[in-house]
Protein backbone atom coordinates (compact mmCIF):
# COMPACT_ATOMS: atom_id res chain seq x y z
CA UNK A 1 7.61 0.66 18.00
CA UNK A 2 4.17 0.08 19.46
CA UNK A 3 2.48 -3.19 18.64
CA UNK A 4 -1.23 -3.29 17.98
CA UNK A 5 -3.36 -5.20 20.42
CA UNK A 6 -5.57 -8.03 19.15
CA UNK A 7 -8.58 -5.80 19.73
CA UNK A 8 -7.10 -3.07 17.54
CA UNK A 9 -6.27 -5.56 14.79
CA UNK A 10 -9.77 -7.01 14.94
CA UNK A 11 -11.33 -3.54 14.77
CA UNK A 12 -9.10 -2.61 11.80
CA UNK A 13 -9.98 -5.85 9.99
CA UNK A 14 -13.69 -5.35 10.59
CA UNK A 15 -13.43 -1.83 9.22
CA UNK A 16 -11.73 -3.07 6.09
CA UNK A 17 -14.24 -5.89 5.73
CA UNK A 18 -17.06 -3.36 5.98
CA UNK A 19 -15.45 -1.38 3.18
CA UNK A 20 -15.15 -4.51 1.06
CA UNK A 21 -11.36 -4.45 1.16
CA UNK A 22 -10.67 -7.53 3.28
CA UNK A 23 -10.73 -9.57 0.10
CA UNK A 24 -10.34 -8.61 -3.50
CA UNK A 25 -8.60 -5.31 -4.17
CA UNK A 26 -6.59 -5.09 -0.98
CA UNK A 27 -5.05 -8.45 -1.81
CA UNK A 28 -3.25 -6.77 -4.73
CA UNK A 29 -1.18 -4.39 -2.60
CA UNK A 30 1.98 -6.55 -2.56
CA UNK A 31 1.83 -6.88 -6.35
CA UNK A 32 1.32 -3.16 -6.83
CA UNK A 33 4.20 -2.35 -4.51
CA UNK A 34 6.57 -4.84 -6.13
CA UNK A 35 5.66 -3.61 -9.62
CA UNK A 36 6.35 -0.04 -8.54
CA UNK A 37 9.75 -1.03 -7.10
CA UNK A 38 10.70 -2.93 -10.26
CA UNK A 39 9.68 -0.08 -12.55
CA UNK A 40 11.51 2.45 -10.39
CA UNK A 41 14.72 0.40 -10.40
CA UNK A 42 14.45 -0.35 -14.13
CA UNK A 43 14.11 3.34 -14.94
CA UNK A 44 17.31 4.11 -13.05
CA UNK A 45 15.60 6.86 -11.09
CA UNK A 46 16.59 7.78 -7.54
CA UNK A 47 15.15 5.29 -5.08
CA UNK A 48 13.43 7.07 -2.19
CA UNK A 49 10.20 6.80 -0.27
CA UNK A 50 8.79 9.82 -2.08
CA UNK A 51 9.68 8.39 -5.49
CA UNK A 52 8.21 5.03 -4.56
CA UNK A 53 5.01 6.65 -3.26
CA UNK A 54 4.69 8.59 -6.51
CA UNK A 55 5.16 5.41 -8.56
CA UNK A 56 2.56 3.53 -6.48
CA UNK A 57 0.13 6.42 -7.01
CA UNK A 58 0.74 6.15 -10.77
CA UNK A 59 0.09 2.41 -10.61
CA UNK A 60 -3.27 3.17 -8.99
CA UNK A 61 -4.47 5.32 -11.86
CA UNK A 62 -6.28 2.50 -13.63
CA UNK A 63 -9.92 1.68 -14.21
CA UNK A 64 -9.80 -1.74 -12.52
CA UNK A 65 -11.27 -1.22 -9.03
CA UNK A 66 -9.32 -4.16 -7.57
CA UNK A 67 -5.96 -2.77 -8.69
CA UNK A 68 -6.97 0.72 -7.58
CA UNK A 69 -7.87 -0.59 -4.10
CA UNK A 70 -4.57 -2.47 -4.00
CA UNK A 71 -2.66 0.69 -4.89
CA UNK A 72 -4.46 2.65 -2.17
CA UNK A 73 -3.61 -0.08 0.34
CA UNK A 74 0.03 -0.19 -0.78
CA UNK A 75 0.32 3.58 -0.49
CA UNK A 76 -1.21 3.57 2.98
CA UNK A 77 1.15 0.82 4.14
CA UNK A 78 4.15 2.59 2.62
CA UNK A 79 3.28 5.84 4.41
CA UNK A 80 2.77 3.94 7.65
CA UNK A 81 6.14 2.21 7.31
CA UNK A 82 7.89 5.51 6.52
CA UNK A 83 6.31 7.12 9.58
CA UNK A 84 7.46 4.26 11.78
CA UNK A 85 10.99 4.47 10.37
CA UNK A 86 11.10 8.20 11.09
CA UNK A 87 10.39 7.62 14.80
């Protein structure tokens, strides 16, 4: 698994800051992800990456821009983690 260099992390952070996601909405991604996991487990549905991604996408279908940004961030991180696990 390749680690990001400090320069890459700085560039990524600056890009997010420019988009307004360094604070605010992106801070909600752990909450969105945990809510999606809890709802998925409570429903008794099959637990898989695809099911979790679908649930996170459903969580993001709200009018609150902060929660929507958090859901987008959670979905991006979930896809990134799944891609790393597949390597």
